[in-house]
Amino acid sequence: MGELEPGGKFCMSQQIDKKKTIQVRIDVFWHRFLKVLGAQSGRSIRDLIEEVLGDYYTLEDFSEVERRKIK
């Protein structure tokens, strides 16, 4: 929340949320499928999703999205 500084001033934190992770929503069917696939392959659901997204979004695609943001 905030802190009480010496002298009695109350300061709120100015820190910006700098999380390095994001949440991805998947429906029940995909969750069940990835859960079974993960159990069979010995990998986590997160690893499987990261691999698929990494294959889908190449560095060139990412660069294109970043260029569009700048314009």
PDB file of N, CA and C in Angstrom:
ATOM      1  N   MET A   1       0.840  -1.175   0.000  1.00  0.00           N
ATOM      2  CA  MET A   1       0.000   0.000   0.000  1.00  0.00           C
ATOM      3  C   MET A   1       0.882   1.233   0.000  1.00  0.00           C
ATOM      4  N   GLY A   2       1.019   1.900   1.080  1.00  0.00           N
ATOM      5  CA  GLY A   2       1.857   3.078   1.183  1.00  0.00           C
ATOM      6  C   GLY A   2       2.690   3.009   2.445  1.00  0.00           C
ATOM      7  N   GLU A   3       3.587   3.949   2.585  1.00  0.00           N
ATOM      8  CA  GLU A   3       4.450   3.966   3.758  1.00  0.00           C
ATOM      9  C   GLU A   3       4.408   5.344   4.406  1.00  0.00           C
ATOM     10  N   LEU A   4       4.642   5.340   5.703  1.00  0.00           N
ATOM     11  CA  LEU A   4       4.703   6.586   6.450  1.00  0.00           C
ATOM     12  C   LEU A   4       6.158   7.000   6.551  1.00  0.00           C
ATOM     13  N   GLU A   5       6.505   8.118   5.904  1.00  0.00           N
ATOM     14  CA  GLU A   5       7.880   8.617   5.924  1.00  0.00           C
ATOM     15  C   GLU A   5       8.172   9.289   7.250  1.00  0.00           C
ATOM     16  N   PRO A   6       9.463   9.396   7.602  1.00  0.00           N
ATOM     17  CA  PRO A   6       9.803  10.173   8.801  1.00  0.00           C
ATOM     18  C   PRO A   6       9.270  11.601   8.652  1.00  0.00           C
ATOM     19  N   GLY A   7       8.674  12.105   9.654  1.00  0.00           N
ATOM     20  CA  GLY A   7       8.081  13.433   9.599  1.00  0.00           C
ATOM     21  C   GLY A   7       6.589  13.388   9.357  1.00  0.00           C
ATOM     22  N   GLY A   8       6.054  12.189   9.125  1.00  0.00           N
ATOM     23  CA  GLY A   8       4.614  12.035   9.032  1.00  0.00           C
ATOM     24  C   GLY A   8       4.012  12.088   7.647  1.00  0.00           C
ATOM     25  N   LYS A   9       4.811  12.217   6.571  1.00  0.00           N
ATOM     26  CA  LYS A   9       4.230  12.236   5.228  1.00  0.00           C
ATOM     27  C   LYS A   9       3.900  10.818   4.785  1.00  0.00           C
ATOM     28  N   PHE A  10       2.776  10.675   4.163  1.00  0.00           N
ATOM     29  CA  PHE A  10       2.335   9.371   3.664  1.00  0.00           C
ATOM     30  C   PHE A  10       2.590   9.323   2.167  1.00  0.00           C
ATOM     31  N   CYS A  11       3.407   8.359   1.713  1.00  0.00           N
ATOM     32  CA  CYS A  11       3.751   8.263   0.292  1.00  0.00           C
ATOM     33  C   CYS A  11       3.250   6.954  -0.298  1.00  0.00           C
ATOM     34  N   MET A  12       2.570   7.067  -1.402  1.00  0.00           N
ATOM     35  CA  MET A  12       2.154   5.869  -2.128  1.00  0.00           C
ATOM     36  C   MET A  12       3.296   5.418  -3.029  1.00  0.00           C
ATOM     37  N   SER A  13       3.377   4.142  -3.245  1.00  0.00           N
ATOM     38  CA  SER A  13       4.427   3.590  -4.095  1.00  0.00           C
ATOM     39  C   SER A  13       4.190   4.018  -5.540  1.00  0.00           C
ATOM     40  N   GLN A  14       5.250   4.424  -6.205  1.00  0.00           N
ATOM     41  CA  GLN A  14       5.173   4.829  -7.609  1.00  0.00           C
ATOM     42  C   GLN A  14       5.661   3.712  -8.536  1.00  0.00           C
ATOM     43  N   GLN A  15       5.889   2.523  -7.970  1.00  0.00           N
ATOM     44  CA  GLN A  15       6.415   1.417  -8.756  1.00  0.00           C
ATOM     45  C   GLN A  15       5.380   0.940  -9.771  1.00  0.00           C
ATOM     46  N   ILE A  16       5.841   0.746 -10.977  1.00  0.00           N
ATOM     47  CA  ILE A  16       4.997   0.228 -12.044  1.00  0.00           C
ATOM     48  C   ILE A  16       5.102  -1.282 -12.039  1.00  0.00           C
ATOM     49  N   ASP A  17       4.005  -1.947 -12.316  1.00  0.00           N
ATOM     50  CA  ASP A  17       4.007  -3.409 -12.364  1.00  0.00           C
ATOM     51  C   ASP A  17       4.922  -3.870 -13.495  1.00  0.00           C
ATOM     52  N   LYS A  18       5.989  -4.569 -13.168  1.00  0.00           N
ATOM     53  CA  LYS A  18       6.986  -4.977 -14.158  1.00  0.00           C
ATOM     54  C   LYS A  18       7.080  -6.496 -14.259  1.00  0.00           C
ATOM     55  N   LYS A  19       5.938  -7.153 -14.297  1.00  0.00           N
ATOM     56  CA  LYS A  19       5.922  -8.612 -14.387  1.00  0.00           C
ATOM     57  C   LYS A  19       6.493  -9.054 -15.728  1.00  0.00           C
ATOM     58  N   LYS A  20       7.212 -10.144 -15.707  1.00  0.00           N
ATOM     59  CA  LYS A  20       7.806 -10.693 -16.923  1.00  0.00           C
ATOM     60  C   LYS A  20       6.945 -11.799 -17.517  1.00  0.00           C
ATOM     61  N   THR A  21       5.853 -12.136 -16.857  1.00  0.00           N
ATOM     62  CA  THR A  21       4.992 -13.215 -17.336  1.00  0.00           C
ATOM     63  C   THR A  21       3.612 -12.663 -17.667  1.00  0.00           C
ATOM     64  N   ILE A  22       2.879 -13.422 -18.450  1.00  0.00           N
ATOM     65  CA  ILE A  22       1.503 -13.061 -18.777  1.00  0.00           C
ATOM     66  C   ILE A  22       0.621 -14.276 -18.555  1.00  0.00           C
ATOM     67  N   GLN A  23      -0.657 -14.043 -18.466  1.00  0.00           N
ATOM     68  CA  GLN A  23      -1.611 -15.129 -18.347  1.00  0.00           C
ATOM     69  C   GLN A  23      -2.226 -15.389 -19.704  1.00  0.00           C
ATOM     70  N   VAL A  24      -2.438 -16.652 -19.990  1.00  0.00           N
ATOM     71  CA  VAL A  24      -3.091 -17.050 -21.229  1.00  0.00           C
ATOM     72  C   VAL A  24      -4.327 -17.845 -20.850  1.00  0.00           C
ATOM     73  N   ARG A  25      -5.453 -17.454 -21.395  1.00  0.00           N
ATOM     74  CA  ARG A  25      -6.689 -18.189 -21.115  1.00  0.00           C
ATOM     75  C   ARG A  25      -6.914 -19.233 -22.204  1.00  0.00           C
ATOM     76  N   ILE A  26      -7.176 -20.452 -21.763  1.00  0.00           N
ATOM     77  CA  ILE A  26      -7.508 -21.522 -22.707  1.00  0.00           C
ATOM     78  C   ILE A  26      -8.804 -22.162 -22.244  1.00  0.00           C
ATOM     79  N   ASP A  27      -9.549 -22.713 -23.183  1.00  0.00           N
ATOM     80  CA  ASP A  27     -10.817 -23.312 -22.783  1.00  0.00           C
ATOM     81  C   ASP A  27     -10.588 -24.709 -22.201  1.00  0.00           C
ATOM     82  N   VAL A  28     -11.649 -25.302 -21.694  1.00  0.00           N
ATOM     83  CA  VAL A  28     -11.572 -26.571 -20.984  1.00  0.00           C
ATOM     84  C   VAL A  28     -11.036 -27.680 -21.881  1.00  0.00           C
ATOM     85  N   PHE A  29     -11.487 -27.713 -23.136  1.00  0.00           N
ATOM     86  CA  PHE A  29     -11.026 -28.755 -24.057  1.00  0.00           C
ATOM     87  C   PHE A  29      -9.516 -28.708 -24.202  1.00  0.00           C
ATOM     88  N   TRP A  30      -8.961 -27.513 -24.474  1.00  0.00           N
ATOM     89  CA  TRP A  30      -7.510 -27.390 -24.651  1.00  0.00           C
ATOM     90  C   TRP A  30      -6.762 -27.721 -23.375  1.00  0.00           C
ATOM     91  N   HIS A  31      -7.317 -27.332 -22.230  1.00  0.00           N
ATOM     92  CA  HIS A  31      -6.659 -27.642 -20.964  1.00  0.00           C
ATOM     93  C   HIS A  31      -6.571 -29.153 -20.761  1.00  0.00           C
ATOM     94  N   ARG A  32      -7.660 -29.845 -21.015  1.00  0.00           N
ATOM     95  CA  ARG A  32      -7.650 -31.318 -20.873  1.00  0.00           C
ATOM     96  C   ARG A  32      -6.671 -31.953 -21.844  1.00  0.00           C
ATOM     97  N   PHE A  33      -6.690 -31.489 -23.086  1.00  0.00           N
ATOM     98  CA  PHE A  33      -5.788 -32.022 -24.104  1.00  0.00           C
ATOM     99  C   PHE A  33      -4.328 -31.800 -23.716  1.00  0.00           C
ATOM    100  N   LEU A  34      -3.991 -30.580 -23.297  1.00  0.00           N
ATOM    101  CA  LEU A  34      -2.613 -30.273 -22.916  1.00  0.00           C
ATOM    102  C   LEU A  34      -2.201 -31.012 -21.643  1.00  0.00           C
ATOM    103  N   LYS A  35      -3.156 -31.234 -20.748  1.00  0.00           N
ATOM    104  CA  LYS A  35      -2.860 -31.973 -19.525  1.00  0.00           C
ATOM    105  C   LYS A  35      -2.465 -33.417 -19.848  1.00  0.00           C
ATOM    106  N   VAL A  36      -3.217 -34.054 -20.733  1.00  0.00           N
ATOM    107  CA  VAL A  36      -2.907 -35.424 -21.150  1.00  0.00           C
ATOM    108  C   VAL A  36      -1.597 -35.461 -21.921  1.00  0.00           C
ATOM    109  N   LEU A  37      -1.428 -34.547 -22.860  1.00  0.00           N
ATOM    110  CA  LEU A  37      -0.205 -34.487 -23.651  1.00  0.00           C
ATOM    111  C   LEU A  37       1.011 -34.236 -22.761  1.00  0.00           C
ATOM    112  N   GLY A  38       0.854 -33.361 -21.793  1.00  0.00           N
ATOM    113  CA  GLY A  38       1.940 -33.077 -20.865  1.00  0.00           C
ATOM    114  C   GLY A  38       2.293 -34.285 -20.015  1.00  0.00           C
ATOM    115  N   ALA A  39       1.274 -35.012 -19.567  1.00  0.00           N
ATOM    116  CA  ALA A  39       1.526 -36.214 -18.766  1.00  0.00           C
ATOM    117  C   ALA A  39       2.248 -37.285 -19.590  1.00  0.00           C
ATOM    118  N   GLN A  40       1.861 -37.410 -20.840  1.00  0.00           N
ATOM    119  CA  GLN A  40       2.498 -38.407 -21.705  1.00  0.00           C
ATOM    120  C   GLN A  40       3.937 -38.037 -22.054  1.00  0.00           C
ATOM    121  N   SER A  41       4.203 -36.750 -22.199  1.00  0.00           N
ATOM    122  CA  SER A  41       5.532 -36.317 -22.620  1.00  0.00           C
ATOM    123  C   SER A  41       6.427 -35.899 -21.450  1.00  0.00           C
ATOM    124  N   GLY A  42       5.846 -35.825 -20.236  1.00  0.00           N
ATOM    125  CA  GLY A  42       6.618 -35.423 -19.075  1.00  0.00           C
ATOM    126  C   GLY A  42       6.923 -33.935 -19.044  1.00  0.00           C
ATOM    127  N   ARG A  43       6.088 -33.141 -19.693  1.00  0.00           N
ATOM    128  CA  ARG A  43       6.295 -31.688 -19.750  1.00  0.00           C
ATOM    129  C   ARG A  43       5.100 -30.989 -19.128  1.00  0.00           C
ATOM    130  N   SER A  44       5.306 -29.734 -18.742  1.00  0.00           N
ATOM    131  CA  SER A  44       4.216 -28.964 -18.145  1.00  0.00           C
ATOM    132  C   SER A  44       3.356 -28.331 -19.237  1.00  0.00           C
ATOM    133  N   ILE A  45       2.158 -27.939 -18.850  1.00  0.00           N
ATOM    134  CA  ILE A  45       1.262 -27.247 -19.785  1.00  0.00           C
ATOM    135  C   ILE A  45       1.920 -25.961 -20.251  1.00  0.00           C
ATOM    136  N   ARG A  46       2.571 -25.275 -19.334  1.00  0.00           N
ATOM    137  CA  ARG A  46       3.259 -24.025 -19.683  1.00  0.00           C
ATOM    138  C   ARG A  46       4.314 -24.261 -20.763  1.00  0.00           C
ATOM    139  N   ASP A  47       5.125 -25.303 -20.605  1.00  0.00           N
ATOM    140  CA  ASP A  47       6.147 -25.613 -21.611  1.00  0.00           C
ATOM    141  C   ASP A  47       5.535 -25.868 -22.980  1.00  0.00           C
ATOM    142  N   LEU A  48       4.440 -26.619 -22.994  1.00  0.00           N
ATOM    143  CA  LEU A  48       3.787 -26.920 -24.269  1.00  0.00           C
ATOM    144  C   LEU A  48       3.245 -25.658 -24.934  1.00  0.00           C
ATOM    145  N   ILE A  49       2.605 -24.801 -24.144  1.00  0.00           N
ATOM    146  CA  ILE A  49       2.056 -23.563 -24.701  1.00  0.00           C
ATOM    147  C   ILE A  49       3.177 -22.657 -25.195  1.00  0.00           C
ATOM    148  N   GLU A  50       4.259 -22.535 -24.418  1.00  0.00           N
ATOM    149  CA  GLU A  50       5.379 -21.696 -24.839  1.00  0.00           C
ATOM    150  C   GLU A  50       5.998 -22.208 -26.138  1.00  0.00           C
ATOM    151  N   GLU A  51       6.092 -23.516 -26.290  1.00  0.00           N
ATOM    152  CA  GLU A  51       6.647 -24.069 -27.521  1.00  0.00           C
ATOM    153  C   GLU A  51       5.765 -23.744 -28.722  1.00  0.00           C
ATOM    154  N   VAL A  52       4.470 -23.934 -28.550  1.00  0.00           N
ATOM    155  CA  VAL A  52       3.542 -23.658 -29.651  1.00  0.00           C
ATOM    156  C   VAL A  52       3.559 -22.176 -30.015  1.00  0.00           C
ATOM    157  N   LEU A  53       3.506 -21.312 -29.012  1.00  0.00           N
ATOM    158  CA  LEU A  53       3.523 -19.878 -29.287  1.00  0.00           C
ATOM    159  C   LEU A  53       4.850 -19.453 -29.901  1.00  0.00           C
ATOM    160  N   GLY A  54       5.934 -20.056 -29.439  1.00  0.00           N
ATOM    161  CA  GLY A  54       7.247 -19.742 -29.998  1.00  0.00           C
ATOM    162  C   GLY A  54       7.356 -20.138 -31.455  1.00  0.00           C
ATOM    163  N   ASP A  55       6.750 -21.289 -31.800  1.00  0.00           N
ATOM    164  CA  ASP A  55       6.756 -21.719 -33.196  1.00  0.00           C
ATOM    165  C   ASP A  55       5.852 -20.843 -34.050  1.00  0.00           C
ATOM    166  N   TYR A  56       4.733 -20.430 -33.467  1.00  0.00           N
ATOM    167  CA  TYR A  56       3.759 -19.638 -34.221  1.00  0.00           C
ATOM    168  C   TYR A  56       4.251 -18.214 -34.448  1.00  0.00           C
ATOM    169  N   TYR A  57       4.761 -17.604 -33.392  1.00  0.00           N
ATOM    170  CA  TYR A  57       5.243 -16.233 -33.492  1.00  0.00           C
ATOM    171  C   TYR A  57       6.759 -16.237 -33.624  1.00  0.00           C
ATOM    172  N   THR A  58       7.222 -16.111 -34.828  1.00  0.00           N
ATOM    173  CA  THR A  58       8.663 -16.062 -35.049  1.00  0.00           C
ATOM    174  C   THR A  58       9.174 -14.683 -34.686  1.00  0.00           C
ATOM    175  N   LEU A  59      10.465 -14.536 -34.657  1.00  0.00           N
ATOM    176  CA  LEU A  59      11.069 -13.248 -34.324  1.00  0.00           C
ATOM    177  C   LEU A  59      10.662 -12.179 -35.341  1.00  0.00           C
ATOM    178  N   GLU A  60      10.512 -12.576 -36.611  1.00  0.00           N
ATOM    179  CA  GLU A  60      10.100 -11.617 -37.642  1.00  0.00           C
ATOM    180  C   GLU A  60       8.697 -11.089 -37.365  1.00  0.00           C
ATOM    181  N   ASP A  61       7.788 -11.977 -36.953  1.00  0.00           N
ATOM    182  CA  ASP A  61       6.429 -11.551 -36.624  1.00  0.00           C
ATOM    183  C   ASP A  61       6.447 -10.578 -35.459  1.00  0.00           C
ATOM    184  N   PHE A  62       7.244 -10.885 -34.437  1.00  0.00           N
ATOM    185  CA  PHE A  62       7.351 -10.018 -33.274  1.00  0.00           C
ATOM    186  C   PHE A  62       7.892  -8.653 -33.680  1.00  0.00           C
ATOM    187  N   SER A  63       8.909  -8.650 -34.527  1.00  0.00           N
ATOM    188  CA  SER A  63       9.500  -7.389 -34.971  1.00  0.00           C
ATOM    189  C   SER A  63       8.483  -6.548 -35.740  1.00  0.00           C
ATOM    190  N   GLU A  64       7.677  -7.192 -36.541  1.00  0.00           N
ATOM    191  CA  GLU A  64       6.636  -6.488 -37.301  1.00  0.00           C
ATOM    192  C   GLU A  64       5.617  -5.854 -36.368  1.00  0.00           C
ATOM    193  N   VAL A  65       5.218  -6.560 -35.346  1.00  0.00           N
ATOM    194  CA  VAL A  65       4.267  -6.019 -34.373  1.00  0.00           C
ATOM    195  C   VAL A  65       4.867  -4.816 -33.661  1.00  0.00           C
ATOM    196  N   GLU A  66       6.137  -4.911 -33.278  1.00  0.00           N
ATOM    197  CA  GLU A  66       6.798  -3.800 -32.603  1.00  0.00           C
ATOM    198  C   GLU A  66       6.914  -2.583 -33.520  1.00  0.00           C
ATOM    199  N   ARG A  67       7.182  -2.804 -34.812  1.00  0.00           N
ATOM    200  CA  ARG A  67       7.262  -1.684 -35.762  1.00  0.00           C
ATOM    201  C   ARG A  67       5.908  -0.988 -35.882  1.00  0.00           C
ATOM    202  N   ARG A  68       4.846  -1.752 -35.893  1.00  0.00           N
ATOM    203  CA  ARG A  68       3.508  -1.166 -35.989  1.00  0.00           C
ATOM    204  C   ARG A  68       3.177  -0.332 -34.758  1.00  0.00           C
ATOM    205  N   LYS A  69       3.643  -0.751 -33.584  1.00  0.00           N
ATOM    206  CA  LYS A  69       3.384  -0.001 -32.354  1.00  0.00           C
ATOM    207  C   LYS A  69       4.044   1.370 -32.411  1.00  0.00           C
ATOM    208  N   ILE A  70       5.220   1.450 -33.004  1.00  0.00           N
ATOM    209  CA  ILE A  70       5.993   2.700 -33.038  1.00  0.00           C
ATOM    210  C   ILE A  70       5.319   3.719 -33.940  1.00  0.00           C
ATOM    211  N   LYS A  71       4.710   3.294 -35.033  1.00  0.00           N
ATOM    212  CA  LYS A  71       4.105   4.224 -36.001  1.00  0.00           C
ATOM    213  C   LYS A  71       2.897   4.892 -35.477  1.00  0.00           C
TER     214      LYS A  71
END
